[in-house]
Amino acid sequence: MDIRSLLLVGALTASLSTSPLAWSGEASGHVESLIVRSSDGLIYVWLNGTAVSRPACAASTDYWMIKDENSETGKKTYAALLAAQISGRPIRIVGSGTCTRWSDGEDISYIQLRNT
């Protein structure tokens, strides 16, 4: 590999390691609580599992936020959270590394429903 190729690989590696997902939180467990506020539509959720790698904005909290509850993705995320809570199935939440919807609650990037 020539020096330019090595530099390119190094630059790409550095950019990937500084992306928001590099500091995104993650947790697995059961939906412990799901709140929908009537005042502004804010939806947030708690799991009974311990979150790891939370970004600085959410380091002192243990809940997760749906970034835009009015979007199609937000509605689907809410439906999946409800389904998980009702069925008792565990889920995995991966955060986006940002606290857009609320200043100390990490936005949900995606959720994964699990079988066990």
N, C-alpha and C. Protein backbone atom coordinates (compact mmCIF):
# COMPACT_ATOMS: atom_id res chain seq x y z
N MET A 1 0.85 -1.17 0.00
CA MET A 1 0.00 0.00 0.00
C MET A 1 0.90 1.24 0.00
N ASP A 2 0.57 2.21 -0.84
CA ASP A 2 1.37 3.44 -0.89
C ASP A 2 0.95 4.39 0.24
N ILE A 3 1.69 5.45 0.42
CA ILE A 3 1.46 6.40 1.52
C ILE A 3 0.10 7.09 1.41
N ARG A 4 -0.32 7.40 0.17
CA ARG A 4 -1.63 8.04 0.00
C ARG A 4 -2.76 7.12 0.44
N SER A 5 -2.66 5.85 0.11
CA SER A 5 -3.68 4.88 0.53
C SER A 5 -3.71 4.74 2.05
N LEU A 6 -2.55 4.70 2.66
CA LEU A 6 -2.49 4.61 4.12
C LEU A 6 -3.10 5.84 4.78
N LEU A 7 -2.82 7.01 4.24
CA LEU A 7 -3.40 8.24 4.78
C LEU A 7 -4.92 8.26 4.62
N LEU A 8 -5.41 7.80 3.48
CA LEU A 8 -6.85 7.75 3.24
C LEU A 8 -7.52 6.79 4.22
N VAL A 9 -6.94 5.62 4.41
CA VAL A 9 -7.49 4.66 5.37
C VAL A 9 -7.48 5.25 6.77
N GLY A 10 -6.40 5.93 7.15
CA GLY A 10 -6.33 6.57 8.46
C GLY A 10 -7.38 7.65 8.63
N ALA A 11 -7.59 8.47 7.61
CA ALA A 11 -8.59 9.53 7.68
C ALA A 11 -9.99 8.96 7.79
N LEU A 12 -10.28 7.93 7.02
CA LEU A 12 -11.60 7.30 7.09
C LEU A 12 -11.83 6.67 8.45
N THR A 13 -10.84 6.00 8.98
CA THR A 13 -10.97 5.40 10.31
C THR A 13 -11.23 6.46 11.37
N ALA A 14 -10.51 7.57 11.30
CA ALA A 14 -10.70 8.65 12.27
C ALA A 14 -12.09 9.26 12.15
N SER A 15 -12.58 9.44 10.93
CA SER A 15 -13.91 10.03 10.77
C SER A 15 -14.99 9.11 11.27
N LEU A 16 -14.83 7.82 11.10
CA LEU A 16 -15.82 6.87 11.62
C LEU A 16 -15.81 6.83 13.13
N SER A 17 -14.66 6.95 13.73
CA SER A 17 -14.58 6.86 15.19
C SER A 17 -15.08 8.13 15.86
N THR A 18 -15.25 9.22 15.12
CA THR A 18 -15.76 10.45 15.72
C THR A 18 -17.20 10.73 15.31
N SER A 19 -17.86 9.78 14.67
CA SER A 19 -19.24 9.98 14.28
C SER A 19 -20.13 9.95 15.52
N PRO A 20 -21.34 10.55 15.47
CA PRO A 20 -22.23 10.55 16.62
C PRO A 20 -22.52 9.15 17.15
N LEU A 21 -22.63 8.14 16.25
CA LEU A 21 -22.93 6.81 16.72
C LEU A 21 -21.81 6.21 17.56
N ALA A 22 -20.61 6.76 17.44
CA ALA A 22 -19.51 6.27 18.26
C ALA A 22 -19.76 6.56 19.72
N TRP A 23 -20.56 7.57 20.03
CA TRP A 23 -20.89 7.91 21.41
C TRP A 23 -22.36 7.71 21.70
N SER A 24 -22.99 6.84 20.98
CA SER A 24 -24.41 6.62 21.23
C SER A 24 -24.60 5.58 22.31
N GLY A 25 -25.68 5.74 23.04
CA GLY A 25 -26.00 4.81 24.11
C GLY A 25 -26.68 3.57 23.57
N GLU A 26 -26.75 2.59 24.43
CA GLU A 26 -27.40 1.33 24.08
C GLU A 26 -27.89 0.68 25.37
N ALA A 27 -29.03 0.02 25.29
CA ALA A 27 -29.55 -0.72 26.44
C ALA A 27 -30.45 -1.84 25.94
N SER A 28 -30.51 -2.91 26.70
CA SER A 28 -31.41 -4.02 26.41
C SER A 28 -32.20 -4.33 27.67
N GLY A 29 -33.43 -4.75 27.48
CA GLY A 29 -34.28 -5.09 28.61
C GLY A 29 -35.74 -5.02 28.23
N HIS A 30 -36.58 -4.96 29.25
CA HIS A 30 -38.02 -4.86 29.04
C HIS A 30 -38.47 -3.41 29.26
N VAL A 31 -39.52 -3.02 28.56
CA VAL A 31 -40.06 -1.67 28.71
C VAL A 31 -40.65 -1.58 30.12
N GLU A 32 -40.06 -0.75 30.92
CA GLU A 32 -40.51 -0.56 32.30
C GLU A 32 -41.60 0.49 32.38
N SER A 33 -41.44 1.55 31.61
CA SER A 33 -42.40 2.65 31.63
C SER A 33 -42.37 3.36 30.29
N LEU A 34 -43.54 3.77 29.85
CA LEU A 34 -43.69 4.48 28.58
C LEU A 34 -44.62 5.65 28.83
N ILE A 35 -44.15 6.85 28.59
CA ILE A 35 -44.94 8.05 28.88
C ILE A 35 -45.17 8.86 27.61
N VAL A 36 -46.42 9.30 27.44
CA VAL A 36 -46.79 10.21 26.36
C VAL A 36 -47.42 11.43 27.02
N ARG A 37 -46.80 12.58 26.83
CA ARG A 37 -47.32 13.81 27.45
C ARG A 37 -48.35 14.46 26.53
N SER A 38 -49.47 14.83 27.10
CA SER A 38 -50.51 15.48 26.30
C SER A 38 -50.16 16.92 25.97
N SER A 39 -49.32 17.56 26.77
CA SER A 39 -49.00 18.97 26.55
C SER A 39 -48.23 19.22 25.27
N ASP A 40 -47.34 18.28 24.91
CA ASP A 40 -46.52 18.50 23.71
C ASP A 40 -46.28 17.24 22.90
N GLY A 41 -46.89 16.12 23.28
CA GLY A 41 -46.74 14.88 22.53
C GLY A 41 -45.45 14.13 22.79
N LEU A 42 -44.62 14.64 23.68
CA LEU A 42 -43.34 14.02 23.97
C LEU A 42 -43.53 12.58 24.43
N ILE A 43 -42.75 11.67 23.82
CA ILE A 43 -42.80 10.25 24.18
C ILE A 43 -41.43 9.83 24.67
N TYR A 44 -41.40 9.29 25.89
CA TYR A 44 -40.14 8.77 26.40
C TYR A 44 -40.36 7.44 27.10
N VAL A 45 -39.28 6.67 27.18
CA VAL A 45 -39.38 5.29 27.62
C VAL A 45 -38.20 4.94 28.53
N TRP A 46 -38.47 4.08 29.50
CA TRP A 46 -37.45 3.53 30.37
C TRP A 46 -37.39 2.02 30.17
N LEU A 47 -36.21 1.47 30.18
CA LEU A 47 -36.02 0.02 30.17
C LEU A 47 -35.54 -0.42 31.53
N ASN A 48 -35.70 -1.70 31.85
CA ASN A 48 -35.18 -2.20 33.12
C ASN A 48 -33.72 -2.62 33.00
N GLY A 49 -33.12 -2.43 31.85
CA GLY A 49 -31.70 -2.74 31.65
C GLY A 49 -30.84 -1.50 31.83
N THR A 50 -29.57 -1.71 32.02
CA THR A 50 -28.63 -0.61 32.22
C THR A 50 -28.09 -0.11 30.88
N ALA A 51 -28.14 1.19 30.71
CA ALA A 51 -27.63 1.80 29.48
C ALA A 51 -26.11 1.96 29.57
N VAL A 52 -25.46 1.82 28.43
CA VAL A 52 -24.01 2.00 28.35
C VAL A 52 -23.69 2.99 27.25
N SER A 53 -22.56 3.64 27.38
CA SER A 53 -22.01 4.55 26.35
C SER A 53 -22.92 5.72 26.01
N ARG A 54 -23.64 6.23 26.99
CA ARG A 54 -24.53 7.38 26.72
C ARG A 54 -23.70 8.62 26.37
N PRO A 55 -24.24 9.47 25.49
CA PRO A 55 -23.54 10.73 25.19
C PRO A 55 -23.61 11.66 26.40
N ALA A 56 -22.78 12.67 26.42
CA ALA A 56 -22.72 13.59 27.56
C ALA A 56 -24.08 14.21 27.87
N CYS A 57 -24.87 14.51 26.85
CA CYS A 57 -26.16 15.16 27.10
C CYS A 57 -27.14 14.26 27.86
N ALA A 58 -26.95 12.95 27.80
CA ALA A 58 -27.87 12.02 28.45
C ALA A 58 -27.19 11.16 29.52
N ALA A 59 -26.00 11.55 29.91
CA ALA A 59 -25.22 10.73 30.84
C ALA A 59 -25.88 10.59 32.21
N SER A 60 -26.69 11.55 32.61
CA SER A 60 -27.27 11.50 33.95
C SER A 60 -28.72 11.02 33.95
N THR A 61 -29.23 10.56 32.81
CA THR A 61 -30.62 10.09 32.75
C THR A 61 -30.65 8.64 32.30
N ASP A 62 -31.78 8.01 32.50
CA ASP A 62 -31.92 6.62 32.08
C ASP A 62 -33.13 6.40 31.18
N TYR A 63 -33.61 7.45 30.55
CA TYR A 63 -34.72 7.31 29.62
C TYR A 63 -34.28 7.68 28.21
N TRP A 64 -35.12 7.29 27.26
CA TRP A 64 -34.87 7.48 25.84
C TRP A 64 -36.04 8.24 25.23
N MET A 65 -35.79 9.00 24.18
CA MET A 65 -36.82 9.82 23.55
C MET A 65 -37.05 9.43 22.10
N ILE A 66 -38.30 9.54 21.69
CA ILE A 66 -38.60 9.47 20.26
C ILE A 66 -38.41 10.89 19.73
N LYS A 67 -37.51 11.04 18.78
CA LYS A 67 -37.10 12.37 18.30
C LYS A 67 -38.27 13.16 17.71
N ASP A 68 -39.07 12.51 16.88
CA ASP A 68 -40.20 13.19 16.24
C ASP A 68 -41.40 12.25 16.24
N GLU A 69 -42.23 12.39 17.25
CA GLU A 69 -43.37 11.48 17.40
C GLU A 69 -44.42 11.63 16.31
N ASN A 70 -44.36 12.70 15.53
CA ASN A 70 -45.33 12.91 14.45
C ASN A 70 -44.88 12.32 13.12
N SER A 71 -43.63 11.93 13.03
CA SER A 71 -43.14 11.35 11.78
C SER A 71 -43.59 9.89 11.66
N GLU A 72 -43.51 9.34 10.46
CA GLU A 72 -43.84 7.92 10.27
C GLU A 72 -42.94 7.04 11.12
N THR A 73 -41.66 7.37 11.16
CA THR A 73 -40.71 6.59 11.95
C THR A 73 -41.05 6.69 13.43
N GLY A 74 -41.39 7.88 13.89
CA GLY A 74 -41.77 8.06 15.29
C GLY A 74 -43.00 7.24 15.66
N LYS A 75 -43.98 7.22 14.78
CA LYS A 75 -45.20 6.45 15.03
C LYS A 75 -44.91 4.95 15.05
N LYS A 76 -44.05 4.50 14.15
CA LYS A 76 -43.68 3.09 14.12
C LYS A 76 -42.88 2.70 15.36
N THR A 77 -42.00 3.59 15.79
CA THR A 77 -41.21 3.32 17.00
C THR A 77 -42.12 3.23 18.22
N TYR A 78 -43.07 4.14 18.33
CA TYR A 78 -44.02 4.11 19.43
C TYR A 78 -44.84 2.82 19.41
N ALA A 79 -45.32 2.42 18.24
CA ALA A 79 -46.09 1.17 18.12
C ALA A 79 -45.26 -0.04 18.53
N ALA A 80 -43.99 -0.06 18.13
CA ALA A 80 -43.12 -1.18 18.50
C ALA A 80 -42.85 -1.21 20.00
N LEU A 81 -42.68 -0.03 20.59
CA LEU A 81 -42.49 0.03 22.05
C LEU A 81 -43.72 -0.46 22.79
N LEU A 82 -44.90 -0.06 22.31
CA LEU A 82 -46.14 -0.54 22.92
C LEU A 82 -46.28 -2.06 22.79
N ALA A 83 -45.97 -2.57 21.61
CA ALA A 83 -46.06 -4.01 21.38
C ALA A 83 -45.11 -4.76 22.31
N ALA A 84 -43.90 -4.24 22.47
CA ALA A 84 -42.93 -4.88 23.37
C ALA A 84 -43.42 -4.85 24.80
N GLN A 85 -43.99 -3.73 25.22
CA GLN A 85 -44.46 -3.63 26.60
C GLN A 85 -45.64 -4.57 26.85
N ILE A 86 -46.57 -4.59 25.93
CA ILE A 86 -47.76 -5.43 26.10
C ILE A 86 -47.40 -6.92 26.06
N SER A 87 -46.51 -7.29 25.16
CA SER A 87 -46.15 -8.71 25.01
C SER A 87 -45.12 -9.18 26.03
N GLY A 88 -44.44 -8.23 26.67
CA GLY A 88 -43.40 -8.60 27.62
C GLY A 88 -42.10 -9.02 26.96
N ARG A 89 -41.98 -8.77 25.66
CA ARG A 89 -40.75 -9.13 24.94
C ARG A 89 -39.66 -8.12 25.23
N PRO A 90 -38.43 -8.59 25.39
CA PRO A 90 -37.32 -7.66 25.59
C PRO A 90 -36.98 -6.93 24.29
N ILE A 91 -36.39 -5.77 24.44
CA ILE A 91 -35.97 -4.99 23.29
C ILE A 91 -34.54 -4.50 23.50
N ARG A 92 -33.98 -4.02 22.44
CA ARG A 92 -32.68 -3.36 22.47
C ARG A 92 -32.90 -1.98 21.88
N ILE A 93 -32.47 -0.95 22.59
CA ILE A 93 -32.53 0.42 22.08
C ILE A 93 -31.11 0.87 21.80
N VAL A 94 -30.91 1.45 20.62
CA VAL A 94 -29.64 2.07 20.28
C VAL A 94 -29.94 3.55 20.03
N GLY A 95 -29.21 4.38 20.72
CA GLY A 95 -29.41 5.82 20.61
C GLY A 95 -28.70 6.42 19.42
N SER A 96 -29.03 7.67 19.15
CA SER A 96 -28.43 8.38 18.02
C SER A 96 -27.21 9.19 18.44
N GLY A 97 -26.96 9.27 19.74
CA GLY A 97 -25.84 10.09 20.22
C GLY A 97 -26.21 11.55 20.36
N THR A 98 -27.49 11.89 20.17
CA THR A 98 -27.95 13.27 20.27
C THR A 98 -29.14 13.37 21.23
N CYS A 99 -29.36 14.57 21.71
CA CYS A 99 -30.51 14.85 22.59
C CYS A 99 -31.30 15.98 21.97
N THR A 100 -31.93 15.72 20.84
CA THR A 100 -32.63 16.74 20.07
C THR A 100 -33.99 17.08 20.67
N ARG A 101 -34.75 16.07 20.99
CA ARG A 101 -36.15 16.28 21.43
C ARG A 101 -36.21 16.88 22.83
N TRP A 102 -35.28 16.50 23.67
CA TRP A 102 -35.23 17.00 25.04
C TRP A 102 -33.75 17.09 25.43
N SER A 103 -33.38 18.05 26.21
CA SER A 103 -31.97 18.35 26.44
C SER A 103 -31.18 17.26 27.17
N ASP A 104 -31.86 16.35 27.86
CA ASP A 104 -31.11 15.33 28.59
C ASP A 104 -31.59 13.90 28.31
N GLY A 105 -32.37 13.72 27.27
CA GLY A 105 -32.84 12.40 26.87
C GLY A 105 -32.33 12.05 25.49
N GLU A 106 -31.60 10.96 25.38
CA GLU A 106 -31.03 10.59 24.09
C GLU A 106 -32.12 10.16 23.11
N ASP A 107 -32.00 10.65 21.88
CA ASP A 107 -32.93 10.26 20.81
C ASP A 107 -32.70 8.80 20.45
N ILE A 108 -33.77 8.10 20.18
CA ILE A 108 -33.68 6.70 19.76
C ILE A 108 -33.30 6.65 18.29
N SER A 109 -32.25 5.92 17.97
CA SER A 109 -31.88 5.70 16.58
C SER A 109 -32.68 4.53 16.03
N TYR A 110 -32.68 3.41 16.78
CA TYR A 110 -33.52 2.28 16.40
C TYR A 110 -33.76 1.38 17.59
N ILE A 111 -34.79 0.56 17.45
CA ILE A 111 -35.07 -0.45 18.46
C ILE A 111 -35.14 -1.80 17.78
N GLN A 112 -34.86 -2.81 18.55
CA GLN A 112 -34.90 -4.18 18.05
C GLN A 112 -35.71 -5.02 19.03
N LEU A 113 -36.81 -5.60 18.57
CA LEU A 113 -37.57 -6.52 19.41
C LEU A 113 -36.87 -7.85 19.43
N ARG A 114 -36.78 -8.44 20.59
CA ARG A 114 -36.06 -9.70 20.74
C ARG A 114 -37.01 -10.81 21.15
N ASN A 115 -36.59 -12.03 20.91
CA ASN A 115 -37.41 -13.19 21.29
C ASN A 115 -37.21 -13.57 22.75
N THR A 116 -35.99 -13.43 23.24
CA THR A 116 -35.73 -13.77 24.64
C THR A 116 -34.87 -12.74 25.30
